[in-house]
Amino acid sequence: MTDNLDGARQGRDDGMDRVERGASEDFKDALSECIRAALLTRSEFITDDAWNLMREGFPDLHTRDNRVMGPLMRWAVVDGWCAPTGRYRTGRRNAGHATPQPIYQSLIYTGEVHLVI
């Protein structure tokens, strides 16, 4: 079996692009707001934190594919909001099936409470 790292990365990127295009702009905007709010109030972050804010702040907003978190986290890293730590913590959401989630270091942490509107 031959490893094709470039092909694997291209497949990952293509899949993330499809997922991002498939989510509504309203949903992506709201989830991005929740990611940013979580990173402002936590020095370390897992995506469960943003999903919890999403459920509280936007309970009626849904998407057909929750994998949109992946592309949005990629943008959060690229935009300098956070950086992966290389560590993992078990997720608590039922939809995540207790899988290990990457822990991100917030690069915008203020410690202040920011309410999701």
Foldseek 3Di string as FASTA:
>chain_A
DDDDVVVVVVVVVVVLVVVLVQWDPVVLVLLLLLVLQQLQADQKDWSLSSVVLCCVQPVPDDGPDPVNVVVSVVVCVVVQQWAFPPDWAFDDDVVSVRDTTTMIGGPNYDNDHDHRD
